[in-house]
Amino acid sequence: MKRIDCFIPFVSEDQVAATAANLSAEAEVSSVNRIDAASFRSTAAVRRMAATATAPFTMIYTKTTGLSFGNFALERLLSVAEDSSAAMVYADHFNETDGVRSFAPVIDCQFGSLRDDFDFGSVMLYRTSVLKEAVAGMDEEYDHAALYDLRLRVSRIGALVHVNEYLYYEIETDTRKSGEKQFDYVDPRNRAVQVEMEKACTSHLKAIGGYLEPEFKHIEFSDEGFEYEASVVIPCKNRVRTIGDALRSALGQKTSFKYNVIVVDDNSDDGTVDVIKSFLPDPRLVYIAQDKTYHAIGGNWNAAIHHPSCGRFALQLDSDDLYHDENTVQKFVDAFYAQNCAMVVGTYRMVDFNMETLPPGIIDHREWTPENGRNNALRINGLGAPRGFYVPMLRQINFPTTKYGEDYAVGLRVSREYQIGRIYDVLYDCRRWEGNSDAALDIEKVNANNTYKDRIRTWELQARIRLNRKKQKKA
């Protein structure tokens, strides 16, 4: 018996012809079913797949470009699915762009891999019985989030298994660099999609015991002996082209209270230190020169917040960015008191090196709602910028010593207990230029970064489930 029913998105006969022919030629394929591409990610489409599938396994292909498999690749997917008793299997593959073929490895799906844009590749092979069970439980009608809802529900039934072998070939049409792709999810044009994804993720968190009710610890902003009300923290390494702009922006703030600027240099060797020292006549500037041990961005933040001159609130300014105007620090501090929160996240504008606005323009992270922000934070890949922290609380948590994801890790940890406040005025100009550390990463580095953030999510999700269980026992 042929063991796979296939479902592919349909735009036109010309578009599906090659893929349909390739699949039909496979010995294990029982049927190739076309689903209108415009509704392919809807609950109605997924219900149709479940109702149509009769073979033991169901393959869903998500792209509208051509697909072909290597020799015995489908047999290999089936073999792993059966040997591992997986609910779904997915694999590494090859991308073809303008006739050039490249490796496209993906990563293991963890307990905390809740991003709706987690890259499984475009081929997912589901055990049909599990697919039908998951679809039978669907109680929301989505236009965009049904495939995301499906894989979350399937993950509650069985394992999602990564076959780290290169088994198929697909055409890749998105040739943007990594730094250009990472803000797709906050593009205002995708707002309707994000609302649905949040609903699906929240439902999943409730089902696994990881959902947190909107109940937060109260903050008492005690004196604690702080000389300064706020400190602008600027970690830097080899930013000779931009550190001067950042320092001028930080030192040019207008406030009703005392503040200072703490710049932490991590062994720059390009002239950055000379630029920093040229600002030292200003008594508000605190210069920390790190030793030769490993610090990364997280370690540089820890050096700043534990410095005796650090203020009550520590406010982010990256070494290649600028505050939008001279009122940013004042707005931050006002928000802490007005919203009684341990962390505040503002709104930023994407700009190029010359401060011209870049798409998608203003990013306000309106998906962070007071009621559900800390749950939705487990689905998205960042919490926004700029960020500010109540220092006595932050000194109890600290940053992980890493140069990627350190801010996200702290934000998740804070949100487990405390409200995170929001400012929807533009406070920050975020420069995107060739010097950004994430401007053009190769696939291995992108995968490493995503694996780390998924681990952060996994640890946080485990902690939240444990917290809920403790509350239930007390009740």
Protein backbone atom coordinates (compact mmCIF):
# COMPACT_ATOMS: atom_id res chain seq x y z
CA MET A 1 0.00 0.00 0.00
CA LYS A 2 1.23 3.48 -0.85
CA ARG A 3 1.67 5.31 2.42
CA ILE A 4 1.57 9.07 1.74
CA ASP A 5 -1.17 11.50 0.76
CA CYS A 6 0.29 14.85 -0.31
CA PHE A 7 -1.20 18.35 -0.11
CA ILE A 8 0.31 21.24 -2.05
CA PRO A 9 -0.72 24.91 -2.46
CA PHE A 10 -2.34 25.67 -5.81
CA VAL A 11 -2.04 28.94 -7.74
CA SER A 12 -2.22 27.64 -11.30
CA GLU A 13 -1.67 24.42 -13.23
CA ASP A 14 1.64 25.76 -14.52
CA GLN A 15 2.76 26.49 -10.97
CA VAL A 16 1.96 23.04 -9.55
CA ALA A 17 2.76 20.93 -12.62
CA ALA A 18 6.39 20.08 -11.86
CA THR A 19 5.83 19.47 -8.13
CA ALA A 20 2.74 17.36 -8.76
CA ALA A 21 4.59 15.30 -11.37
CA ASN A 22 7.58 14.77 -9.09
CA LEU A 23 5.38 13.63 -6.22
CA SER A 24 3.22 11.38 -8.38
CA ALA A 25 6.36 9.60 -9.57
CA GLU A 26 7.31 8.68 -6.00
CA ALA A 27 6.60 5.03 -5.16
CA GLU A 28 5.15 5.85 -1.73
CA VAL A 29 2.78 8.62 -2.82
CA SER A 30 -0.88 7.62 -2.97
CA SER A 31 -2.37 10.98 -3.96
CA VAL A 32 -1.43 14.59 -4.70
CA ASN A 33 -4.12 17.03 -3.60
CA ARG A 34 -4.26 20.70 -4.57
CA ILE A 35 -5.43 23.29 -2.02
CA ASP A 36 -6.03 26.91 -3.00
CA ALA A 37 -2.86 28.78 -2.00
CA ALA A 38 -4.84 31.81 -0.80
CA SER A 39 -6.50 29.73 1.93
CA PHE A 40 -3.79 27.11 2.46
CA ARG A 41 -3.06 28.20 6.05
CA SER A 42 -6.70 28.40 7.08
CA THR A 43 -8.52 26.06 9.43
CA ALA A 44 -10.93 25.18 6.62
CA ALA A 45 -8.01 24.00 4.48
CA VAL A 46 -6.49 21.95 7.29
CA ARG A 47 -9.86 20.35 8.01
CA ARG A 48 -10.10 19.43 4.34
CA MET A 49 -6.65 17.81 4.48
CA ALA A 50 -7.63 15.75 7.52
CA ALA A 51 -10.91 14.68 5.95
CA THR A 52 -9.27 13.75 2.63
CA ALA A 53 -6.21 11.86 3.89
CA THR A 54 -6.58 8.07 4.02
CA ALA A 55 -2.95 6.91 3.76
CA PRO A 56 -0.98 6.28 6.98
CA PHE A 57 1.01 9.50 6.49
CA THR A 58 0.14 12.98 5.26
CA MET A 59 2.71 15.25 3.63
CA ILE A 60 2.08 19.01 3.65
CA TYR A 61 4.22 21.14 1.34
CA THR A 62 3.94 24.85 2.13
CA LYS A 63 5.66 26.61 -0.79
CA THR A 64 4.33 27.49 -4.21
CA THR A 65 7.69 26.90 -5.91
CA GLY A 66 9.01 23.62 -7.26
CA LEU A 67 9.78 20.61 -5.03
CA SER A 68 11.70 17.42 -5.74
CA PHE A 69 13.16 14.66 -3.59
CA GLY A 70 16.45 12.82 -3.57
CA ASN A 71 16.60 9.09 -4.25
CA PHE A 72 14.68 7.17 -1.59
CA ALA A 73 14.28 10.37 0.45
CA LEU A 74 10.58 9.88 1.09
CA GLU A 75 11.28 6.29 2.08
CA ARG A 76 13.86 7.63 4.54
CA LEU A 77 11.35 10.05 6.08
CA LEU A 78 8.87 7.22 6.46
CA SER A 79 11.49 4.96 8.01
CA VAL A 80 12.45 7.55 10.64
CA ALA A 81 8.79 8.33 11.34
CA GLU A 82 8.05 4.68 11.98
CA ASP A 83 11.23 3.90 13.92
CA SER A 84 10.81 6.94 16.20
CA SER A 85 7.00 6.77 16.43
CA ALA A 86 7.07 10.47 15.54
CA ALA A 87 3.91 12.49 15.20
CA MET A 88 5.62 14.55 12.51
CA VAL A 89 9.03 14.46 10.82
CA TYR A 90 10.85 17.18 8.92
CA ALA A 91 14.30 17.34 7.35
CA ASP A 92 17.25 19.38 6.17
CA HIS A 93 17.16 20.20 2.48
CA PHE A 94 18.70 22.18 -0.35
CA ASN A 95 17.69 25.63 -1.56
CA GLU A 96 18.08 26.63 -5.17
CA THR A 97 18.36 30.34 -5.93
CA ASP A 98 18.98 31.49 -9.50
CA GLY A 99 20.31 28.05 -10.34
CA VAL A 100 22.73 27.96 -7.40
CA ARG A 101 22.18 25.16 -4.88
CA SER A 102 23.00 25.63 -1.18
CA PHE A 103 22.60 23.63 2.00
CA ALA A 104 19.58 24.58 4.13
CA PRO A 105 19.86 22.86 7.50
CA VAL A 106 17.11 23.35 10.06
CA ILE A 107 17.18 22.85 13.83
CA ASP A 108 15.64 20.54 16.40
CA CYS A 109 12.21 21.52 17.68
CA GLN A 110 12.29 21.96 21.46
CA PHE A 111 9.56 22.21 24.07
CA GLY A 112 9.96 25.98 23.93
CA SER A 113 10.09 26.27 20.13
CA LEU A 114 6.92 28.32 20.10
CA ARG A 115 7.83 30.82 17.39
CA ASP A 116 5.17 30.77 14.69
CA ASP A 117 7.97 31.24 12.13
CA PHE A 118 10.00 28.25 13.34
CA ASP A 119 11.65 26.85 10.21
CA PHE A 120 10.67 23.23 9.64
CA GLY A 121 11.46 23.58 5.97
CA SER A 122 8.58 23.38 3.53
CA VAL A 123 7.95 19.62 3.88
CA MET A 124 6.23 18.20 6.96
CA LEU A 125 5.25 14.55 7.10
CA TYR A 126 2.50 13.94 9.67
CA ARG A 127 1.23 10.63 10.97
CA THR A 128 -2.32 10.78 9.62
CA SER A 129 -3.97 9.42 12.76
CA VAL A 130 -2.30 12.16 14.81
CA LEU A 131 -3.20 14.79 12.22
CA LYS A 132 -6.85 13.78 12.40
CA GLU A 133 -6.81 13.75 16.21
CA ALA A 134 -5.31 17.24 16.32
CA VAL A 135 -7.75 18.64 13.79
CA ALA A 136 -10.71 17.09 15.61
CA GLY A 137 -9.83 19.24 18.63
CA MET A 138 -9.60 22.55 16.72
CA ASP A 139 -12.06 25.01 18.21
CA GLU A 140 -11.01 28.23 16.45
CA GLU A 141 -11.39 29.20 12.81
CA TYR A 142 -8.21 30.83 11.51
CA ASP A 143 -7.42 32.42 8.18
CA HIS A 144 -3.65 32.48 8.72
CA ALA A 145 -2.66 30.49 11.80
CA ALA A 146 -4.08 27.00 11.17
CA LEU A 147 -0.79 25.30 10.26
CA TYR A 148 0.77 26.85 13.36
CA ASP A 149 -2.20 25.71 15.43
CA LEU A 150 -1.85 22.24 13.90
CA ARG A 151 1.79 21.73 14.79
CA LEU A 152 1.24 23.01 18.34
CA ARG A 153 -1.62 20.56 18.82
CA VAL A 154 0.38 17.72 17.26
CA SER A 155 3.31 18.47 19.59
CA ARG A 156 0.98 17.78 22.53
CA ILE A 157 0.28 14.31 21.12
CA GLY A 158 3.72 13.16 19.97
CA ALA A 159 7.25 14.16 19.01
CA LEU A 160 8.24 16.46 16.15
CA VAL A 161 11.39 14.78 14.87
CA HIS A 162 14.15 16.48 12.89
CA VAL A 163 15.90 14.27 10.34
CA ASN A 164 19.25 15.99 9.96
CA GLU A 165 19.83 14.67 6.46
CA TYR A 166 19.46 16.60 3.20
CA LEU A 167 16.45 14.96 1.58
CA TYR A 168 14.79 17.36 -0.85
CA TYR A 169 15.25 20.35 -3.13
CA GLU A 170 13.17 23.51 -3.17
CA ILE A 171 13.32 26.85 -4.93
CA GLU A 172 14.08 29.80 -2.63
CA THR A 173 12.82 33.19 -3.79
CA ASP A 174 13.48 35.22 -0.63
CA THR A 175 17.10 36.29 -1.11
CA ARG A 176 17.19 39.00 1.56
CA LYS A 177 19.98 39.04 4.12
CA SER A 178 19.28 37.84 7.68
CA GLY A 179 19.15 41.37 9.05
CA GLU A 180 16.42 42.29 6.56
CA LYS A 181 14.19 39.32 7.41
CA GLN A 182 14.19 39.49 11.18
CA PHE A 183 11.63 42.28 11.48
CA ASP A 184 8.95 40.74 9.26
CA TYR A 185 6.83 39.74 12.22
CA VAL A 186 6.53 43.34 13.47
CA ASP A 187 5.60 44.79 10.10
CA PRO A 188 2.23 46.55 10.63
CA ARG A 189 0.98 44.93 7.42
CA ASN A 190 1.15 41.56 9.18
CA ARG A 191 -0.94 42.65 12.17
CA ALA A 192 -3.94 40.43 11.37
CA VAL A 193 -1.64 37.41 11.11
CA GLN A 194 0.01 38.24 14.44
CA VAL A 195 -3.34 38.47 16.24
CA GLU A 196 -4.24 34.96 15.10
CA MET A 197 -0.82 33.55 15.95
CA GLU A 198 -1.07 35.00 19.46
CA LYS A 199 -4.47 33.39 19.96
CA ALA A 200 -3.17 29.98 18.86
CA CYS A 201 -0.09 30.22 21.08
CA THR A 202 -2.10 31.35 24.10
CA SER A 203 -4.45 28.41 23.66
CA HIS A 204 -1.44 26.07 23.55
CA LEU A 205 0.06 27.57 26.71
CA LYS A 206 -3.21 27.05 28.54
CA ALA A 207 -3.33 23.43 27.36
CA ILE A 208 0.17 22.63 28.68
CA GLY A 209 -0.06 24.62 31.90
CA GLY A 210 2.32 27.40 30.88
CA TYR A 211 -0.15 30.28 30.68
CA LEU A 212 0.25 33.06 33.25
CA GLU A 213 -2.73 35.08 34.43
CA PRO A 214 -2.31 38.89 34.42
CA GLU A 215 -1.32 39.02 38.10
CA PHE A 216 1.91 40.83 38.94
CA LYS A 217 4.10 41.67 41.89
CA HIS A 218 3.86 45.25 43.11
CA ILE A 219 7.04 47.35 42.87
CA GLU A 220 8.15 49.68 45.65
CA PHE A 221 10.68 52.15 44.28
CA SER A 222 12.58 52.59 47.55
CA ASP A 223 15.45 55.02 47.90
CA GLU A 224 18.22 52.39 48.08
CA GLY A 225 20.77 55.21 48.30
CA PHE A 226 20.94 55.95 44.57
CA GLU A 227 22.78 59.16 43.72
CA TYR A 228 21.36 59.07 40.18
CA GLU A 229 17.78 58.43 39.21
CA ALA A 230 18.77 56.88 35.90
CA SER A 231 21.79 55.61 33.99
CA VAL A 232 22.04 55.26 30.24
CA VAL A 233 24.01 52.05 29.63
CA ILE A 234 26.06 51.77 26.43
CA PRO A 235 27.98 48.50 25.94
CA CYS A 236 30.40 48.71 23.04
CA LYS A 237 33.18 46.99 21.14
CA ASN A 238 34.84 48.43 18.04
CA ARG A 239 32.29 51.13 17.27
CA VAL A 240 34.59 53.99 16.32
CA ARG A 241 32.17 55.14 13.59
CA THR A 242 29.13 55.39 15.86
CA ILE A 243 30.04 55.62 19.56
CA GLY A 244 30.43 59.40 19.39
CA ASP A 245 26.89 59.81 18.05
CA ALA A 246 25.55 57.53 20.79
CA LEU A 247 27.34 59.43 23.54
CA ARG A 248 26.18 62.81 22.27
CA SER A 249 22.63 61.51 22.16
CA ALA A 250 22.84 60.13 25.71
CA LEU A 251 24.52 63.18 27.21
CA GLY A 252 22.11 65.56 25.46
CA GLN A 253 19.04 64.48 27.43
CA LYS A 254 16.86 66.95 29.35
CA THR A 255 15.60 65.66 32.70
CA SER A 256 14.15 66.91 35.97
CA PHE A 257 16.53 64.61 37.91
CA LYS A 258 20.18 63.59 37.99
CA TYR A 259 21.25 60.98 35.47
CA ASN A 260 24.54 59.68 34.13
CA VAL A 261 25.87 57.65 31.20
CA ILE A 262 27.82 54.43 31.72
CA VAL A 263 29.80 53.27 28.69
CA VAL A 264 31.34 49.80 28.99
CA ASP A 265 34.08 49.13 26.47
CA ASP A 266 34.91 45.48 25.83
CA ASN A 267 38.53 45.70 24.65
CA SER A 268 38.03 47.77 21.51
CA ASP A 269 41.09 48.11 19.31
CA ASP A 270 39.82 50.36 16.50
CA GLY A 271 40.00 53.79 18.12
CA THR A 272 36.70 53.54 20.02
CA VAL A 273 38.41 54.15 23.37
CA ASP A 274 39.94 57.41 22.13
CA VAL A 275 36.50 58.65 21.13
CA ILE A 276 35.08 57.70 24.54
CA LYS A 277 37.90 59.44 26.40
CA SER A 278 37.27 62.64 24.45
CA PHE A 279 33.91 62.85 26.29
CA LEU A 280 35.34 62.25 29.78
CA PRO A 281 35.51 65.93 30.73
CA ASP A 282 31.74 65.57 31.21
CA PRO A 283 31.37 64.43 34.84
CA ARG A 284 28.19 62.51 34.00
CA LEU A 285 30.14 59.99 31.91
CA VAL A 286 31.32 56.80 33.64
CA TYR A 287 33.85 54.79 31.63
CA ILE A 288 34.32 51.09 32.39
CA ALA A 289 37.17 49.28 30.62
CA GLN A 290 36.62 45.53 30.74
CA ASP A 291 39.45 43.08 31.44
CA LYS A 292 40.48 40.42 28.92
CA THR A 293 38.06 37.72 30.11
CA TYR A 294 34.90 36.95 28.13
CA HIS A 295 32.05 39.38 28.73
CA ALA A 296 29.92 39.80 25.60
CA ILE A 297 26.95 42.18 25.73
CA GLY A 298 25.39 40.50 28.75
CA GLY A 299 28.58 40.70 30.79
CA ASN A 300 29.02 44.35 29.86
CA TRP A 301 25.52 45.10 31.10
CA ASN A 302 26.27 43.33 34.38
CA ALA A 303 29.37 45.47 34.85
CA ALA A 304 27.27 48.60 34.40
CA ILE A 305 24.34 47.73 36.66
CA HIS A 306 26.62 46.61 39.50
CA HIS A 307 28.81 49.72 39.29
CA PRO A 308 28.37 51.93 42.41
CA SER A 309 27.45 54.90 40.19
CA CYS A 310 24.59 53.10 38.46
CA GLY A 311 21.25 54.84 38.89
CA ARG A 312 17.91 53.50 40.07
CA PHE A 313 16.85 52.80 36.48
CA ALA A 314 19.18 51.45 33.76
CA LEU A 315 18.22 52.46 30.22
CA GLN A 316 19.46 50.83 27.03
CA LEU A 317 21.31 52.61 24.25
CA ASP A 318 23.24 50.44 21.81
CA SER A 319 26.54 51.84 20.60
CA ASP A 320 25.35 52.34 17.02
CA ASP A 321 21.91 53.76 17.82
CA LEU A 322 20.54 57.09 19.07
CA TYR A 323 17.70 58.34 21.24
CA HIS A 324 15.00 59.92 19.09
CA ASP A 325 15.10 63.22 20.95
CA GLU A 326 16.25 64.81 24.22
CA ASN A 327 13.18 63.64 26.19
CA THR A 328 13.73 59.87 26.10
CA VAL A 329 15.27 59.44 29.55
CA GLN A 330 12.57 61.57 31.18
CA LYS A 331 9.80 59.59 29.46
CA PHE A 332 11.34 56.34 30.62
CA VAL A 333 11.48 57.30 34.27
CA ASP A 334 8.00 58.80 34.21
CA ALA A 335 6.67 55.51 32.78
CA PHE A 336 8.23 53.43 35.56
CA TYR A 337 6.37 55.38 38.22
CA ALA A 338 3.13 55.79 36.29
CA GLN A 339 2.84 52.10 35.36
CA ASN A 340 4.49 50.59 38.46
CA CYS A 341 6.60 48.16 36.46
CA ALA A 342 10.03 46.56 36.74
CA MET A 343 10.85 46.96 33.05
CA VAL A 344 9.74 49.37 30.34
CA VAL A 345 9.90 48.81 26.58
CA GLY A 346 9.59 51.73 24.19
CA THR A 347 9.02 52.23 20.47
CA TYR A 348 11.71 52.58 17.83
CA ARG A 349 12.18 53.72 14.27
CA MET A 350 14.23 51.75 11.77
CA VAL A 351 16.79 53.97 10.01
CA ASP A 352 19.86 53.57 7.83
CA PHE A 353 23.29 54.89 8.75
CA ASN A 354 22.31 58.36 7.54
CA MET A 355 19.16 58.33 9.71
CA GLU A 356 16.75 57.89 6.81
CA THR A 357 13.69 55.77 7.69
CA LEU A 358 13.78 52.14 6.52
CA PRO A 359 10.84 49.74 6.11
CA PRO A 360 8.84 48.81 8.11
CA GLY A 361 9.47 52.19 9.77
CA ILE A 362 8.08 52.55 13.29
CA ILE A 363 8.02 49.36 15.35
CA ASP A 364 5.86 49.63 18.46
CA HIS A 365 5.30 45.96 19.42
CA ARG A 366 1.60 46.50 20.02
CA GLU A 367 1.29 42.75 20.33
CA TRP A 368 2.50 43.30 23.89
CA THR A 369 -0.75 43.85 25.78
CA PRO A 370 -0.93 44.32 29.57
CA GLU A 371 -3.20 41.27 29.79
CA ASN A 372 -1.29 38.83 27.59
CA GLY A 373 2.10 40.32 26.80
CA ARG A 374 4.15 37.94 28.90
CA ASN A 375 2.46 34.92 27.34
CA ASN A 376 2.84 36.24 23.81
CA ALA A 377 6.50 36.95 24.58
CA LEU A 378 7.14 33.20 24.33
CA ARG A 379 6.00 33.27 20.69
CA ILE A 380 7.93 36.25 19.34
CA ASN A 381 11.69 36.61 18.99
CA GLY A 382 12.17 39.87 20.87
CA LEU A 383 10.44 42.33 23.17
CA GLY A 384 11.28 45.57 21.40
CA ALA A 385 13.48 48.55 22.17
CA PRO A 386 14.61 50.60 23.88
CA ARG A 387 14.49 48.78 27.19
CA GLY A 388 14.74 50.10 30.72
CA PHE A 389 15.08 48.20 34.00
CA TYR A 390 14.58 48.82 37.70
CA VAL A 391 18.11 48.18 38.91
CA PRO A 392 17.50 46.56 42.34
CA MET A 393 15.36 43.94 40.60
CA LEU A 394 17.82 43.52 37.72
CA ARG A 395 20.72 42.95 40.11
CA GLN A 396 18.90 39.87 41.40
CA ILE A 397 18.47 38.44 37.89
CA ASN A 398 21.51 39.62 35.93
CA PHE A 399 22.14 39.12 32.23
CA PRO A 400 23.45 35.87 30.76
CA THR A 401 27.01 36.28 29.52
CA THR A 402 26.24 36.09 25.83
CA LYS A 403 26.24 38.47 22.88
CA TYR A 404 22.89 37.33 21.48
CA GLY A 405 19.51 36.96 23.17
CA GLU A 406 20.67 38.38 26.51
CA ASP A 407 17.94 41.04 26.48
CA TYR A 408 15.26 38.53 25.52
CA ALA A 409 16.30 36.18 28.33
CA VAL A 410 16.03 38.96 30.90
CA GLY A 411 12.72 40.20 29.50
CA LEU A 412 11.15 36.75 29.78
CA ARG A 413 12.46 36.32 33.30
CA VAL A 414 11.16 39.72 34.40
CA SER A 415 7.75 39.13 32.84
CA ARG A 416 7.30 35.90 34.80
CA GLU A 417 6.73 37.99 37.93
CA TYR A 418 6.43 41.65 36.99
CA GLN A 419 4.48 43.85 34.64
CA ILE A 420 6.46 45.21 31.71
CA GLY A 421 5.42 48.75 30.90
CA ARG A 422 5.10 50.20 27.42
CA ILE A 423 5.72 53.57 25.79
CA TYR A 424 4.24 54.00 22.32
CA ASP A 425 6.02 57.26 21.52
CA VAL A 426 9.07 56.82 19.31
CA LEU A 427 12.04 56.95 21.70
CA TYR A 428 14.81 55.37 19.69
CA ASP A 429 16.39 55.41 16.24
CA CYS A 430 17.67 51.91 15.44
CA ARG A 431 20.38 52.01 12.79
CA ARG A 432 20.55 49.16 10.31
CA TRP A 433 23.89 49.16 8.52
CA GLU A 434 26.64 46.80 7.43
CA GLY A 435 28.29 47.05 10.85
CA ASN A 436 25.35 45.46 12.70
CA SER A 437 26.31 42.16 14.28
CA ASP A 438 23.26 40.49 12.70
CA ALA A 439 23.28 42.25 9.33
CA ALA A 440 24.22 39.26 7.16
CA LEU A 441 24.53 36.00 9.07
CA ASP A 442 25.09 32.64 7.41
CA ILE A 443 22.59 29.85 7.97
CA GLU A 444 24.70 28.13 10.62
CA LYS A 445 24.83 31.29 12.73
CA VAL A 446 21.12 31.97 12.28
CA ASN A 447 20.40 28.41 13.40
CA ALA A 448 22.70 28.74 16.41
CA ASN A 449 20.97 31.96 17.45
CA ASN A 450 17.52 30.44 17.05
CA THR A 451 18.54 27.31 18.97
CA TYR A 452 19.70 29.48 21.86
CA LYS A 453 16.49 31.51 21.97
CA ASP A 454 14.45 28.31 21.84
CA ARG A 455 16.42 27.06 24.85
CA ILE A 456 15.67 30.29 26.67
CA ARG A 457 11.99 29.78 25.90
CA THR A 458 12.15 26.15 27.00
CA TRP A 459 13.70 27.01 30.37
CA GLU A 460 11.24 29.84 30.93
CA LEU A 461 8.26 27.71 29.94
CA GLN A 462 9.37 24.96 32.30
CA ALA A 463 9.68 27.50 35.11
CA ARG A 464 6.20 28.88 34.43
CA ILE A 465 4.63 25.43 34.44
CA ARG A 466 6.36 24.71 37.75
CA LEU A 467 5.13 28.03 39.16
CA ASN A 468 1.54 27.26 38.15
CA ARG A 469 1.73 23.83 39.76
CA LYS A 470 2.90 25.39 43.02
CA LYS A 471 0.00 27.84 42.94
CA GLN A 472 -2.45 25.03 42.31
CA LYS A 473 -1.12 23.05 45.27
CA LYS A 474 -1.49 26.07 47.56
CA ALA A 475 -5.02 26.60 46.32
